[in-house]
Protein backbone atom coordinates (compact mmCIF):
# COMPACT_ATOMS: atom_id res chain seq x y z
CA MET A 1 -44.82 37.60 -71.09
CA LYS A 2 -48.35 36.90 -72.33
CA ARG A 3 -51.29 38.53 -70.63
CA LEU A 4 -53.89 36.10 -69.33
CA LEU A 5 -57.28 37.01 -70.80
CA ILE A 6 -60.37 36.24 -68.73
CA THR A 7 -63.67 35.97 -70.57
CA GLU A 8 -67.00 37.10 -69.14
CA GLU A 9 -67.96 33.45 -68.71
CA ASP A 10 -64.76 32.82 -66.74
CA ARG A 11 -65.44 35.87 -64.58
CA ARG A 12 -68.97 34.67 -63.76
CA HIS A 13 -67.60 31.22 -62.89
CA ILE A 14 -64.94 32.71 -60.58
CA MET A 15 -67.56 34.90 -58.86
CA SER A 16 -69.89 31.95 -58.39
CA LEU A 17 -67.06 30.03 -56.72
CA TYR A 18 -66.35 33.05 -54.50
CA HIS A 19 -69.95 33.27 -53.35
CA LEU A 20 -70.01 29.51 -52.78
CA VAL A 21 -66.94 29.77 -50.53
CA GLU A 22 -68.48 32.74 -48.70
CA GLU A 23 -71.70 30.83 -48.10
CA ARG A 24 -69.87 27.72 -46.89
CA ARG A 25 -67.85 29.89 -44.54
CA TYR A 26 -71.04 30.47 -42.60
CA ILE A 27 -72.47 26.97 -42.70
CA GLY A 28 -69.25 24.99 -42.34
CA GLU A 29 -67.52 23.46 -39.37
CA ASP A 30 -67.78 25.28 -36.07
CA ILE A 31 -64.91 26.41 -33.85
CA GLU A 32 -64.98 23.27 -31.72
CA THR A 33 -64.67 20.94 -34.71
CA GLN A 34 -61.88 22.93 -36.33
CA ILE A 35 -59.85 23.12 -33.11
CA SER A 36 -60.41 19.43 -32.39
CA LYS A 37 -59.21 18.42 -35.87
CA PHE A 38 -56.03 20.50 -35.63
CA ILE A 39 -55.14 19.33 -32.12
CA GLY A 40 -55.91 15.75 -33.11
CA LYS A 41 -53.11 15.81 -35.67
CA TYR A 42 -50.52 16.28 -32.93
CA LYS A 43 -51.32 13.77 -30.21
CA GLY A 44 -48.54 13.69 -27.64
CA LYS A 45 -47.15 17.03 -28.85
CA GLU A 46 -49.67 19.33 -27.21
CA ASP A 47 -46.85 21.24 -25.49
CA LYS A 48 -45.79 22.44 -28.96
CA ILE A 49 -49.16 24.05 -29.71
CA PHE A 50 -49.97 27.71 -29.07
CA VAL A 51 -53.03 29.90 -29.59
CA SER A 52 -53.33 33.62 -30.33
CA PHE A 53 -55.92 36.10 -31.55
CA ARG A 54 -55.80 38.52 -34.48
CA SER A 55 -58.10 41.27 -35.74
CA SER A 56 -57.38 40.34 -39.36
CA ILE A 57 -55.77 37.58 -41.40
CA TYR A 58 -53.59 40.27 -42.95
CA VAL A 59 -51.91 41.59 -39.79
CA THR A 60 -48.27 40.70 -39.15
CA MET A 61 -47.65 38.01 -36.57
CA ILE A 62 -45.04 40.09 -34.76
CA ASN A 63 -46.06 43.46 -33.32
CA ARG A 64 -42.92 45.58 -33.64
CA ASN A 65 -44.68 48.54 -32.00
CA ASN A 66 -45.02 46.71 -28.70
CA THR A 67 -46.04 49.17 -25.97
CA PHE A 68 -45.89 46.73 -23.06
CA GLY A 69 -42.11 46.78 -22.56
CA THR A 70 -41.81 43.09 -23.41
CA PRO A 71 -39.52 41.45 -26.00
CA THR A 72 -40.34 41.58 -29.70
CA GLY A 73 -42.10 38.36 -30.72
CA ILE A 74 -45.38 36.53 -31.34
CA TYR A 75 -47.47 36.61 -28.17
CA THR A 76 -49.62 33.54 -27.69
CA TYR A 77 -51.19 31.26 -25.10
CA PRO A 78 -49.93 27.73 -24.46
CA TRP A 79 -52.43 25.04 -25.41
CA LYS A 80 -51.28 22.50 -22.85
CA GLY A 81 -52.08 23.49 -19.30
CA TYR A 82 -54.01 26.62 -20.20
CA PHE A 83 -56.00 26.91 -23.41
CA ASP A 84 -56.95 23.24 -23.31
CA LYS A 85 -58.87 24.04 -20.11
CA LEU A 86 -60.59 27.03 -21.75
CA TYR A 87 -61.54 24.76 -24.63
CA GLU A 88 -63.17 22.27 -22.25
CA GLN A 89 -64.97 24.98 -20.25
CA LYS A 90 -66.04 27.50 -22.90
CA ILE A 91 -65.98 25.84 -26.33
CA LYS A 92 -66.42 22.07 -26.21
CA GLY A 93 -69.95 20.69 -26.29
CA GLY A 94 -71.30 23.06 -28.92
CA LYS A 95 -71.22 26.15 -26.72
CA ILE A 96 -71.79 29.49 -28.43
CA VAL A 97 -68.36 31.05 -28.54
CA ASN A 98 -67.66 34.71 -27.87
CA ILE A 99 -63.88 34.73 -28.38
CA ILE A 100 -63.39 38.16 -26.82
CA SER A 101 -64.31 36.67 -23.45
CA LEU A 102 -61.95 33.69 -23.65
CA VAL A 103 -58.84 35.46 -22.34
CA PRO A 104 -58.18 38.53 -20.16
CA PHE A 105 -55.98 40.42 -22.63
CA GLU A 106 -57.75 43.63 -23.70
CA GLY A 107 -56.26 43.43 -27.19
CA SER A 108 -58.40 40.36 -27.87
CA GLN A 109 -61.48 42.61 -27.69
CA GLU A 110 -61.00 43.45 -31.38
CA SER A 111 -60.13 39.91 -32.44
CA LYS A 112 -61.96 38.15 -35.23
CA PHE A 113 -59.65 35.20 -35.82
CA ILE A 114 -58.13 32.43 -33.72
CA TYR A 115 -54.66 31.34 -34.81
CA ILE A 116 -53.41 27.94 -33.65
CA TYR A 117 -49.70 27.20 -34.16
CA LYS A 118 -47.74 23.97 -34.04
CA ILE A 119 -44.07 24.81 -33.59
CA LYS A 120 -41.18 22.57 -34.58
CA ASP A 121 -40.39 19.66 -32.27
CA ASN A 122 -36.79 20.80 -31.82
CA ALA A 123 -37.69 24.37 -30.84
CA THR A 124 -36.05 25.51 -27.58
CA ILE A 125 -38.80 26.89 -25.36
CA LEU A 126 -37.97 27.83 -21.77
CA SER A 127 -40.66 27.57 -19.10
CA ASN A 128 -41.37 27.64 -15.38
CA ASP A 129 -39.97 24.10 -15.11
CA THR A 130 -36.58 24.88 -16.69
CA LYS A 131 -33.77 24.32 -14.16
CA TYR A 132 -30.79 26.56 -13.40
CA GLU A 133 -28.35 23.91 -14.64
CA GLU A 134 -29.89 24.03 -18.13
CA LEU A 135 -30.13 27.81 -18.11
CA ARG A 136 -26.50 28.14 -17.04
CA LYS A 137 -25.36 26.14 -20.08
CA ILE A 138 -27.32 28.51 -22.31
CA ALA A 139 -25.89 31.53 -20.44
CA GLU A 140 -22.36 30.35 -21.25
CA ARG A 141 -23.09 31.10 -24.91
CA ILE A 142 -23.50 34.78 -24.01
CA GLU A 143 -19.88 35.24 -22.86
CA PRO A 144 -18.38 35.83 -26.35
CA LEU A 145 -21.16 38.34 -27.11
CA TYR A 146 -20.92 40.28 -23.84
CA PRO A 147 -17.41 39.65 -22.47
CA ASN A 148 -16.68 40.68 -18.88
CA ASN A 149 -20.33 41.46 -18.17
CA ILE A 150 -20.64 41.63 -14.39
CA PHE A 151 -24.26 40.39 -14.34
CA LEU A 152 -23.34 37.34 -16.42
CA SER A 153 -20.24 36.64 -14.33
CA LYS A 154 -22.28 36.62 -11.12
CA TYR A 155 -24.94 34.36 -12.68
CA LEU A 156 -22.42 31.84 -13.99
CA LYS A 157 -20.90 31.63 -10.53
CA SER A 158 -24.29 30.87 -8.97
CA GLU A 159 -27.90 31.98 -9.12
CA ASP A 160 -27.64 33.30 -5.56
CA ASP A 161 -24.61 35.42 -6.44
CA TYR A 162 -26.56 37.09 -9.21
CA LEU A 163 -29.62 37.60 -6.99
CA LYS A 164 -27.47 39.26 -4.37
CA TYR A 165 -25.86 41.56 -6.93
CA SER A 166 -28.76 42.57 -9.20
CA LYS A 167 -31.09 45.26 -7.92
CA ASN A 168 -33.54 44.82 -10.77
CA PRO A 169 -37.04 45.38 -9.29
CA PHE A 170 -38.51 42.76 -11.64
CA LEU A 171 -36.90 40.11 -9.47
CA GLY A 172 -39.66 40.92 -7.01
CA GLY A 173 -37.27 41.81 -4.19
CA HIS A 174 -38.19 44.39 -1.56
CA VAL A 175 -35.95 47.09 -0.18
CA CYS A 176 -33.97 45.69 2.73
CA GLU A 177 -35.52 46.71 6.06
CA THR A 178 -32.10 46.81 7.74
CA CYS A 179 -30.13 49.13 5.45
CA HIS A 180 -33.10 50.54 3.45
CA GLY A 181 -31.00 50.22 0.31
CA GLU A 182 -28.45 52.76 1.55
CA LYS A 183 -24.69 52.27 1.82
CA ILE A 184 -23.50 51.44 5.36
CA GLU A 185 -20.40 53.26 6.51
CA CYS A 186 -17.72 50.85 7.66
CA TYR A 187 -17.58 50.96 11.46
CA ASP A 188 -13.90 50.04 11.75
CA CYS A 189 -12.53 52.77 9.46
CA GLY A 190 -15.31 55.32 9.74
CA GLY A 191 -15.85 55.18 5.99
CA ASP A 192 -12.30 56.21 5.09
CA GLY A 193 -11.22 52.81 3.88
CA TYR A 194 -7.96 53.06 5.79
CA VAL A 195 -6.86 52.55 9.40
CA ASP A 196 -3.55 54.11 10.42
CA GLY A 197 -2.55 54.39 6.78
CA GLU A 198 -3.28 50.73 6.08
CA GLU A 199 -6.17 49.41 4.00
CA CYS A 200 -9.11 48.51 6.25
CA GLU A 201 -9.32 44.74 6.65
CA THR A 202 -13.07 44.89 7.17
CA CYS A 203 -14.14 46.77 4.01
CA TYR A 204 -10.97 46.21 1.98
CA GLY A 205 -10.57 49.94 1.43
CA SER A 206 -14.09 50.59 0.14
CA GLY A 207 -15.26 52.40 3.26
CA ILE A 208 -18.55 50.51 2.96
CA GLU A 209 -19.72 47.69 5.18
CA GLU A 210 -21.82 44.93 3.65
CA CYS A 211 -25.29 44.62 5.18
CA GLU A 212 -25.56 41.20 6.76
CA ASP A 213 -29.23 40.82 5.87
CA CYS A 214 -29.10 41.65 2.14
CA PHE A 215 -25.38 41.05 1.48
CA GLY A 216 -25.04 44.63 0.27
CA SER A 217 -27.64 44.37 -2.51
CA GLY A 218 -30.10 46.71 -0.78
CA TYR A 219 -32.88 44.23 -1.49
CA ASP A 220 -34.42 41.39 0.47
CA THR A 221 -33.51 38.33 -1.59
CA ILE A 222 -34.79 35.71 0.82
CA ILE A 223 -37.74 34.92 -1.43
CA LYS A 224 -36.64 32.22 -3.88
CA GLN A 225 -37.40 33.06 -7.51
CA ILE A 226 -38.12 30.41 -10.12
CA PRO A 227 -35.00 29.97 -12.33
CA VAL A 228 -36.62 31.12 -15.58
CA ARG A 229 -37.70 34.45 -14.04
CA VAL A 230 -34.16 35.05 -12.80
CA PHE A 231 -32.78 34.18 -16.25
CA TRP A 232 -35.36 36.45 -17.95
CA VAL A 233 -34.29 39.40 -15.80
CA LEU A 234 -30.62 38.51 -16.30
CA LEU A 235 -31.02 38.92 -20.07
CA TYR A 236 -32.54 42.36 -19.54
CA ASP A 237 -29.70 43.31 -17.17
CA ILE A 238 -27.14 42.22 -19.77
CA VAL A 239 -28.63 43.99 -22.82
CA GLY A 240 -29.38 47.05 -20.70
CA THR A 241 -25.68 47.74 -20.18
CA THR A 242 -25.12 48.81 -23.80
CA GLY A 243 -28.04 51.15 -24.53
CA GLY A 244 -30.52 50.94 -27.41
CA ASN A 245 -33.94 49.28 -27.52
CA PRO A 246 -33.83 46.61 -24.76
CA GLN A 247 -36.92 44.74 -26.06
CA LEU A 248 -35.45 44.25 -29.52
CA LYS A 249 -31.95 43.54 -28.14
CA PHE A 250 -33.46 40.92 -25.81
CA THR A 251 -34.98 39.11 -28.80
CA ASN A 252 -31.82 39.42 -30.88
CA LEU A 253 -29.71 37.98 -28.05
CA CYS A 254 -32.08 35.03 -27.65
CA ASN A 255 -31.92 34.36 -31.39
CA LYS A 256 -28.12 34.28 -31.24
CA ILE A 257 -27.92 31.87 -28.29
CA GLY A 258 -30.62 29.48 -29.52
CA ILE A 259 -33.68 30.42 -27.44
CA ASP A 260 -36.84 30.20 -29.54
CA GLY A 261 -39.33 31.35 -26.91
CA PHE A 262 -40.62 31.41 -23.34
CA VAL A 263 -43.78 30.02 -21.72
CA ASP A 264 -45.08 31.51 -18.49
CA TYR A 265 -47.45 29.20 -16.62
CA GLY A 266 -48.86 31.64 -14.08
CA ASP A 267 -45.76 33.28 -12.58
CA GLY A 268 -46.20 36.55 -14.47
CA TYR A 269 -42.54 36.94 -15.35
CA ILE A 270 -43.33 37.88 -18.99
CA HIS A 271 -45.85 40.48 -17.83
CA PRO A 272 -47.53 40.68 -14.39
CA ASN A 273 -50.90 41.77 -15.82
CA GLU A 274 -51.29 38.51 -17.74
CA ARG A 275 -49.65 35.78 -15.77
CA THR A 276 -50.10 32.95 -18.27
CA GLN A 277 -48.85 33.49 -21.80
CA ALA A 278 -46.00 32.68 -24.17
CA VAL A 279 -43.76 34.56 -26.57
CA LEU A 280 -42.22 33.02 -29.69
CA LEU A 281 -39.07 34.99 -30.50
CA LYS A 282 -38.22 33.66 -33.97
CA GLY A 283 -41.55 34.29 -35.64
CA ARG A 284 -42.59 32.10 -38.54
CA SER A 285 -39.27 30.26 -38.75
CA ILE A 286 -40.17 27.91 -35.88
CA ILE A 287 -43.82 27.45 -36.90
CA GLU A 288 -44.33 24.08 -38.56
CA ASP A 289 -48.10 24.26 -39.10
CA TYR A 290 -50.98 26.56 -38.25
CA THR A 291 -54.67 27.09 -38.86
CA ILE A 292 -56.83 30.22 -38.83
CA ILE A 293 -60.38 30.01 -37.50
CA SER A 294 -62.91 32.80 -38.02
CA SER A 295 -64.90 33.83 -34.95
CA ASP A 296 -68.03 33.42 -37.08
CA SER A 297 -67.25 29.73 -37.53
CA GLY A 298 -68.57 28.96 -34.08
CA MET A 299 -71.86 30.54 -35.02
CA ASP A 300 -72.69 28.56 -38.14
CA VAL A 301 -76.32 28.98 -39.09
CA ILE A 302 -77.27 25.32 -38.66
CA SER A 303 -76.08 24.89 -35.07
CA LEU A 304 -77.19 28.36 -34.05
CA SER A 305 -80.75 27.91 -35.28
CA THR A 306 -81.13 24.86 -33.01
CA LYS A 307 -79.95 26.76 -29.92
CA ILE A 308 -81.05 30.34 -30.20
CA LEU A 309 -84.69 29.81 -29.23
CA ASP A 310 -83.65 28.14 -25.97
CA MET A 311 -81.19 30.84 -24.89
CA ASP A 312 -81.89 32.88 -21.80
CA LYS A 313 -82.35 36.63 -22.20
CA ASN A 314 -78.77 37.69 -21.41
CA GLU A 315 -77.22 35.11 -23.69
CA PHE A 316 -79.62 36.00 -26.49
CA VAL A 317 -79.00 39.76 -26.25
CA ASN A 318 -75.21 39.28 -26.07
CA LEU A 319 -75.40 37.09 -29.15
CA LEU A 320 -77.17 39.83 -31.10
CA ARG A 321 -74.67 42.45 -29.92
CA PHE A 322 -71.45 40.54 -30.43
CA LYS A 323 -72.20 38.17 -33.29
CA PHE A 324 -74.68 40.02 -35.50
CA HIS A 325 -73.09 43.43 -35.02
CA ASP A 326 -69.47 44.54 -35.34
CA ARG A 327 -69.45 47.10 -32.55
CA PHE A 328 -65.93 48.27 -33.37
CA LYS A 329 -66.61 49.15 -36.99
CA GLY A 330 -70.27 50.00 -36.54
CA THR A 331 -71.32 47.57 -39.28
CA LEU A 332 -73.57 44.52 -39.42
CA LYS A 333 -72.36 41.06 -40.35
CA THR A 334 -74.93 41.02 -43.12
CA GLU A 335 -73.79 37.87 -44.95
CA PHE A 336 -74.04 35.78 -41.83
CA LEU A 337 -77.31 37.41 -40.77
CA GLY A 338 -78.84 36.82 -44.20
CA ASN A 339 -77.89 33.13 -44.23
CA PHE A 340 -79.21 32.75 -40.69
CA ILE A 341 -82.63 34.22 -41.56
CA LYS A 342 -82.86 31.98 -44.63
CA HIS A 343 -82.14 28.90 -42.53
CA LEU A 344 -84.74 29.88 -39.90
CA ARG A 345 -87.27 30.26 -42.68
CA LYS A 346 -86.40 26.83 -44.02
CA GLU A 347 -86.82 25.32 -40.53
CA LYS A 348 -90.12 27.21 -40.06
CA LYS A 349 -88.73 28.96 -36.97
CA ILE A 350 -88.78 32.53 -38.21
CA GLU A 351 -91.91 33.59 -36.28
CA GLN A 352 -90.55 32.06 -33.05
CA PHE A 353 -87.30 33.96 -33.53
CA LEU A 354 -89.04 37.27 -34.23
CA THR A 355 -91.26 36.83 -31.18
CA LYS A 356 -88.25 36.19 -28.98
CA LEU A 357 -86.46 39.13 -30.58
CA ILE A 358 -89.19 41.67 -29.77
CA LYS A 359 -89.90 40.19 -26.35
CA GLU A 360 -86.32 40.07 -25.05
CA PHE A 361 -84.35 42.64 -27.05
CA GLU A 362 -85.37 45.82 -25.27
CA ILE A 363 -86.16 48.89 -27.34
CA HIS A 364 -83.81 51.14 -25.36
CA ASN A 365 -80.80 48.90 -26.14
CA THR A 366 -78.12 50.84 -28.03
CA TYR A 367 -78.11 48.31 -30.87
CA TYR A 368 -81.88 47.81 -31.11
CA SER A 369 -82.66 50.00 -34.15
CA THR A 370 -79.60 48.95 -36.13
CA ILE A 371 -80.12 45.22 -35.68
CA ILE A 372 -83.92 45.30 -36.15
CA ASP A 373 -83.56 47.32 -39.37
CA SER A 374 -80.95 44.88 -40.66
CA ILE A 375 -83.17 41.89 -39.93
CA LYS A 376 -86.08 43.58 -41.71
CA TYR A 377 -83.99 43.73 -44.87
CA PHE A 378 -84.04 39.91 -45.16
CA LEU A 379 -87.72 39.36 -44.30
CA THR A 380 -90.53 38.59 -46.75
CA GLU A 381 -93.62 40.84 -46.80
CA THR A 382 -95.55 38.37 -44.65
CA GLU A 383 -92.71 38.09 -42.12
CA LEU A 384 -92.24 41.86 -42.04
CA LYS A 385 -95.95 42.36 -41.34
CA PHE A 386 -95.71 39.81 -38.50
CA LEU A 387 -92.75 41.69 -37.02
CA GLN A 388 -94.54 45.05 -37.22
CA GLU A 389 -97.55 43.59 -35.38
CA LEU A 390 -95.27 42.29 -32.65
CA GLN A 391 -93.66 45.71 -32.33
CA SER A 392 -97.06 47.39 -32.05
CA GLN A 393 -98.14 44.97 -29.33
CA ASN A 394 -94.89 45.49 -27.49
CA ILE A 395 -95.32 49.30 -27.49
CA ILE A 396 -98.90 48.99 -26.22
CA GLU A 397 -97.85 46.64 -23.44
């Protein structure tokens, strides 16, 4: 195999292209435009689009070290019915986007990239609207894998039969107020199971009487659960009977019976702390198309320079903290900051920006020294002198 030789001229050309791409990354299309273009490709298929956040473009899509007790998969947000509303409220119209405030999940606090997925049209995704009849047909596929499983047998008979039998707390049931979850001694046989040597006709020899209010489950099952929550808990009940990692076994079982994912529209059955979310259980294999959007895209230097001078104090300070400074790594986004200062200079807005900076970015702010020093690095001698005069005036005042 021949080694490819790269000349010095080639190397300079490659590096010039790299710097061109880097520069365009900061003056290209903003978040709104990129999202709009991707969604626009799939009109009428918005229910097949999902959104998630990542700290890097190099991280794996599936977190196999999941600490939330939920199935192994790609955790996302549904576009239709959830993220489309966030887009309208917090992104559309050229708003300055701080992606860590878009969703409640704490993990998004370290996110730098928005991933938008379009899954295959034939993907089987279960949701809050999925009916028991459809779920029962899917459950029938489990029988060869878990023969004679009592949870499955009850479910296939009827949803109510399973609800009465399962004592899984994730069904949201409360301990029965009549029997308090305790066994009731059969009144007719005194708990022996036999009367005069014959099997008790009331308890059929068990010695236990079924509570009339909870049908012997020990839980109040009057509250009707949505079918998909019941099915979700059923899968956990089934895989939990054989030991091992239930989260991974849950995903493996779904893969075997043709379930590609679940969408939770506010019920909290996937996880109660984040009631709207989705999980894709087959990873990349059901993803037809996707795009990755950098959080800096929404802050391109051209659009930002037209808005920053009109921002109120809180918005302005938050912008400096979250968009000019990487508070997790303790580093400045110097490439973006440098391009921004250059564009302000070109628009003859640099003195207005520096005045606003000194007036509204208080000296006792944790990030004050770091950000001011970084801005100074990109200033000309005349601009630096102007900034120093402003600082002197601010100290005197």
